[in-house]
Amino acid sequence: MNHSEPVSRAVLAAVAIGLLFFSPAVFAYLDPSTGSMVVSAIVGIFASIALAVKTYWYKIKGWFRRDSKQETTPEESAD
């Protein structure tokens, strides 16, 4: 038997499922401010996305306008 053979995916999946079912109990404490921290992180992510879209709005519009101009250009040159 060659020891350098890769482990099959079925064996890896069985080990992962076994580890999930036999994991020890975890005793953790989440204080009340943890919820507000998660909410503020989510709001911050949406605000960052909105700022990025606002910053690059003309470039985003340009991508859509370029496609429509490329479709009309060959028709105009054929006339």
N, C-alpha and C. Protein backbone atom coordinates (compact mmCIF):
# COMPACT_ATOMS: atom_id res chain seq x y z
N MET A 1 0.84 -1.18 0.00
CA MET A 1 0.00 0.00 0.00
C MET A 1 0.88 1.23 0.00
N ASN A 2 0.57 2.16 -0.88
CA ASN A 2 1.33 3.39 -1.00
C ASN A 2 0.76 4.42 -0.03
N HIS A 3 1.58 4.98 0.85
CA HIS A 3 1.12 5.92 1.86
C HIS A 3 0.97 7.34 1.31
N SER A 4 1.38 7.57 0.09
CA SER A 4 1.26 8.91 -0.48
C SER A 4 -0.04 9.09 -1.25
N GLU A 5 -0.95 8.11 -1.19
CA GLU A 5 -2.24 8.23 -1.88
C GLU A 5 -3.09 9.30 -1.21
N PRO A 6 -3.80 10.10 -2.00
CA PRO A 6 -4.67 11.11 -1.39
C PRO A 6 -5.86 10.47 -0.69
N VAL A 7 -6.30 11.11 0.35
CA VAL A 7 -7.45 10.61 1.10
C VAL A 7 -8.70 10.93 0.31
N SER A 8 -9.61 9.97 0.21
CA SER A 8 -10.80 10.20 -0.58
C SER A 8 -11.73 11.21 0.08
N ARG A 9 -12.57 11.80 -0.73
CA ARG A 9 -13.50 12.82 -0.22
C ARG A 9 -14.53 12.21 0.73
N ALA A 10 -14.88 10.96 0.50
CA ALA A 10 -15.85 10.31 1.37
C ALA A 10 -15.30 10.16 2.78
N VAL A 11 -14.03 9.85 2.90
CA VAL A 11 -13.41 9.71 4.21
C VAL A 11 -13.34 11.07 4.89
N LEU A 12 -12.96 12.11 4.15
CA LEU A 12 -12.91 13.45 4.72
C LEU A 12 -14.29 13.93 5.16
N ALA A 13 -15.32 13.62 4.37
CA ALA A 13 -16.68 14.02 4.75
C ALA A 13 -17.12 13.28 6.00
N ALA A 14 -16.80 12.00 6.11
CA ALA A 14 -17.18 11.22 7.29
C ALA A 14 -16.48 11.75 8.53
N VAL A 15 -15.23 12.12 8.42
CA VAL A 15 -14.50 12.67 9.56
C VAL A 15 -15.09 14.02 9.96
N ALA A 16 -15.43 14.87 8.99
CA ALA A 16 -16.01 16.18 9.30
C ALA A 16 -17.36 16.03 9.99
N ILE A 17 -18.20 15.13 9.50
CA ILE A 17 -19.50 14.91 10.13
C ILE A 17 -19.33 14.33 11.52
N GLY A 18 -18.38 13.43 11.69
CA GLY A 18 -18.11 12.87 13.01
C GLY A 18 -17.66 13.93 14.00
N LEU A 19 -16.81 14.84 13.55
CA LEU A 19 -16.36 15.91 14.44
C LEU A 19 -17.49 16.85 14.81
N LEU A 20 -18.43 17.07 13.89
CA LEU A 20 -19.56 17.93 14.20
C LEU A 20 -20.50 17.30 15.23
N PHE A 21 -20.71 16.00 15.13
CA PHE A 21 -21.62 15.33 16.06
C PHE A 21 -21.01 15.09 17.43
N PHE A 22 -19.72 14.97 17.50
CA PHE A 22 -19.07 14.64 18.77
C PHE A 22 -18.28 15.81 19.34
N SER A 23 -18.69 17.02 19.03
CA SER A 23 -17.98 18.18 19.55
C SER A 23 -18.36 18.40 21.01
N PRO A 24 -17.45 18.87 21.82
CA PRO A 24 -17.77 19.10 23.23
C PRO A 24 -18.64 20.34 23.41
N ALA A 25 -19.31 20.43 24.53
CA ALA A 25 -20.14 21.58 24.82
C ALA A 25 -19.25 22.81 25.04
N VAL A 26 -19.72 23.94 24.56
CA VAL A 26 -18.97 25.18 24.70
C VAL A 26 -19.77 26.10 25.60
N PHE A 27 -19.12 26.64 26.61
CA PHE A 27 -19.77 27.55 27.52
C PHE A 27 -19.25 28.95 27.22
N ALA A 28 -20.06 29.72 26.51
CA ALA A 28 -19.64 31.05 26.11
C ALA A 28 -20.67 32.06 26.60
N TYR A 29 -20.21 33.27 26.82
CA TYR A 29 -21.09 34.34 27.26
C TYR A 29 -21.05 35.47 26.26
N LEU A 30 -22.22 35.85 25.78
CA LEU A 30 -22.33 37.00 24.89
C LEU A 30 -23.08 38.08 25.66
N ASP A 31 -22.40 39.17 25.91
CA ASP A 31 -23.05 40.24 26.68
C ASP A 31 -24.03 41.01 25.79
N PRO A 32 -24.89 41.82 26.38
CA PRO A 32 -25.92 42.53 25.61
C PRO A 32 -25.38 43.46 24.53
N SER A 33 -24.20 43.97 24.70
CA SER A 33 -23.67 44.89 23.68
C SER A 33 -23.19 44.17 22.43
N THR A 34 -23.12 42.86 22.46
CA THR A 34 -22.69 42.10 21.28
C THR A 34 -23.70 42.25 20.15
N GLY A 35 -24.98 42.24 20.48
CA GLY A 35 -26.02 42.40 19.45
C GLY A 35 -25.93 43.74 18.77
N SER A 36 -25.72 44.81 19.54
CA SER A 36 -25.61 46.13 18.92
C SER A 36 -24.33 46.25 18.11
N MET A 37 -23.29 45.55 18.50
CA MET A 37 -22.05 45.56 17.73
C MET A 37 -22.26 44.89 16.38
N VAL A 38 -22.99 43.79 16.35
CA VAL A 38 -23.28 43.10 15.09
C VAL A 38 -24.14 43.98 14.19
N VAL A 39 -25.16 44.62 14.78
CA VAL A 39 -26.03 45.50 13.99
C VAL A 39 -25.23 46.67 13.41
N SER A 40 -24.36 47.28 14.20
CA SER A 40 -23.57 48.39 13.69
C SER A 40 -22.59 47.94 12.61
N ALA A 41 -22.09 46.72 12.70
CA ALA A 41 -21.20 46.21 11.65
C ALA A 41 -21.97 46.02 10.35
N ILE A 42 -23.19 45.51 10.45
CA ILE A 42 -24.01 45.32 9.25
C ILE A 42 -24.36 46.66 8.62
N VAL A 43 -24.73 47.64 9.44
CA VAL A 43 -25.03 48.98 8.92
C VAL A 43 -23.78 49.58 8.27
N GLY A 44 -22.63 49.38 8.86
CA GLY A 44 -21.38 49.88 8.29
C GLY A 44 -21.06 49.26 6.95
N ILE A 45 -21.34 47.97 6.80
CA ILE A 45 -21.10 47.30 5.52
C ILE A 45 -21.99 47.89 4.44
N PHE A 46 -23.29 48.08 4.76
CA PHE A 46 -24.20 48.66 3.78
C PHE A 46 -23.82 50.09 3.45
N ALA A 47 -23.38 50.86 4.43
CA ALA A 47 -22.95 52.23 4.18
C ALA A 47 -21.71 52.26 3.29
N SER A 48 -20.80 51.34 3.49
CA SER A 48 -19.59 51.27 2.65
C SER A 48 -19.94 50.91 1.22
N ILE A 49 -20.86 49.99 1.05
CA ILE A 49 -21.29 49.61 -0.30
C ILE A 49 -21.97 50.79 -0.99
N ALA A 50 -22.83 51.51 -0.25
CA ALA A 50 -23.52 52.66 -0.83
C ALA A 50 -22.52 53.75 -1.22
N LEU A 51 -21.51 53.98 -0.40
CA LEU A 51 -20.50 54.98 -0.72
C LEU A 51 -19.68 54.58 -1.94
N ALA A 52 -19.36 53.30 -2.06
CA ALA A 52 -18.61 52.83 -3.22
C ALA A 52 -19.42 52.99 -4.50
N VAL A 53 -20.72 52.66 -4.42
CA VAL A 53 -21.57 52.82 -5.60
C VAL A 53 -21.68 54.29 -5.97
N LYS A 54 -21.84 55.15 -4.96
CA LYS A 54 -21.94 56.58 -5.23
C LYS A 54 -20.64 57.12 -5.84
N THR A 55 -19.51 56.64 -5.36
CA THR A 55 -18.22 57.10 -5.86
C THR A 55 -18.00 56.70 -7.31
N TYR A 56 -18.36 55.49 -7.66
CA TYR A 56 -18.11 54.98 -9.00
C TYR A 56 -19.36 54.95 -9.87
N TRP A 57 -20.36 55.77 -9.55
CA TRP A 57 -21.64 55.73 -10.25
C TRP A 57 -21.48 56.01 -11.75
N TYR A 58 -20.68 56.99 -12.12
CA TYR A 58 -20.54 57.32 -13.54
C TYR A 58 -19.81 56.22 -14.30
N LYS A 59 -18.89 55.55 -13.66
CA LYS A 59 -18.22 54.43 -14.32
C LYS A 59 -19.19 53.27 -14.51
N ILE A 60 -20.04 53.03 -13.52
CA ILE A 60 -21.03 51.96 -13.62
C ILE A 60 -22.02 52.28 -14.74
N LYS A 61 -22.48 53.53 -14.82
CA LYS A 61 -23.39 53.93 -15.89
C LYS A 61 -22.70 53.81 -17.25
N GLY A 62 -21.42 54.10 -17.29
CA GLY A 62 -20.68 54.01 -18.54
C GLY A 62 -20.61 52.60 -19.09
N TRP A 63 -20.55 51.62 -18.23
CA TRP A 63 -20.53 50.23 -18.70
C TRP A 63 -21.81 49.89 -19.44
N PHE A 64 -22.93 50.36 -18.92
CA PHE A 64 -24.20 50.05 -19.57
C PHE A 64 -24.40 50.88 -20.83
N ARG A 65 -23.93 52.10 -20.83
CA ARG A 65 -24.08 52.94 -22.02
C ARG A 65 -23.15 52.51 -23.14
N ARG A 66 -21.97 52.03 -22.80
CA ARG A 66 -21.03 51.56 -23.83
C ARG A 66 -21.62 50.41 -24.62
N ASP A 67 -22.32 49.50 -23.94
CA ASP A 67 -22.91 48.36 -24.63
C ASP A 67 -23.97 48.82 -25.63
N SER A 68 -24.80 49.78 -25.25
CA SER A 68 -25.83 50.25 -26.17
C SER A 68 -25.23 51.04 -27.33
N LYS A 69 -24.14 51.78 -27.10
CA LYS A 69 -23.50 52.53 -28.18
C LYS A 69 -22.83 51.58 -29.18
N GLN A 70 -22.27 50.49 -28.69
CA GLN A 70 -21.60 49.54 -29.58
C GLN A 70 -22.62 48.85 -30.48
N GLU A 71 -23.84 48.67 -29.99
CA GLU A 71 -24.86 48.02 -30.81
C GLU A 71 -25.37 48.96 -31.89
N THR A 72 -25.44 50.27 -31.60
CA THR A 72 -25.98 51.23 -32.59
C THR A 72 -24.92 51.72 -33.57
N THR A 73 -23.66 51.63 -33.23
CA THR A 73 -22.60 52.14 -34.11
C THR A 73 -22.55 51.41 -35.46
N PRO A 74 -22.57 50.08 -35.52
CA PRO A 74 -22.52 49.43 -36.83
C PRO A 74 -23.75 49.73 -37.70
N GLU A 75 -24.90 49.94 -37.08
CA GLU A 75 -26.09 50.26 -37.87
C GLU A 75 -25.97 51.64 -38.50
N GLU A 76 -25.39 52.60 -37.76
CA GLU A 76 -25.25 53.95 -38.28
C GLU A 76 -24.23 53.98 -39.41
N SER A 77 -23.16 53.20 -39.33
CA SER A 77 -22.14 53.21 -40.37
C SER A 77 -22.63 52.52 -41.64
N ALA A 78 -23.63 51.65 -41.54
CA ALA A 78 -24.16 50.96 -42.71
C ALA A 78 -25.03 51.88 -43.54
N ASP A 79 -25.59 52.95 -42.96
CA ASP A 79 -26.47 53.86 -43.68
C ASP A 79 -25.75 54.70 -44.66
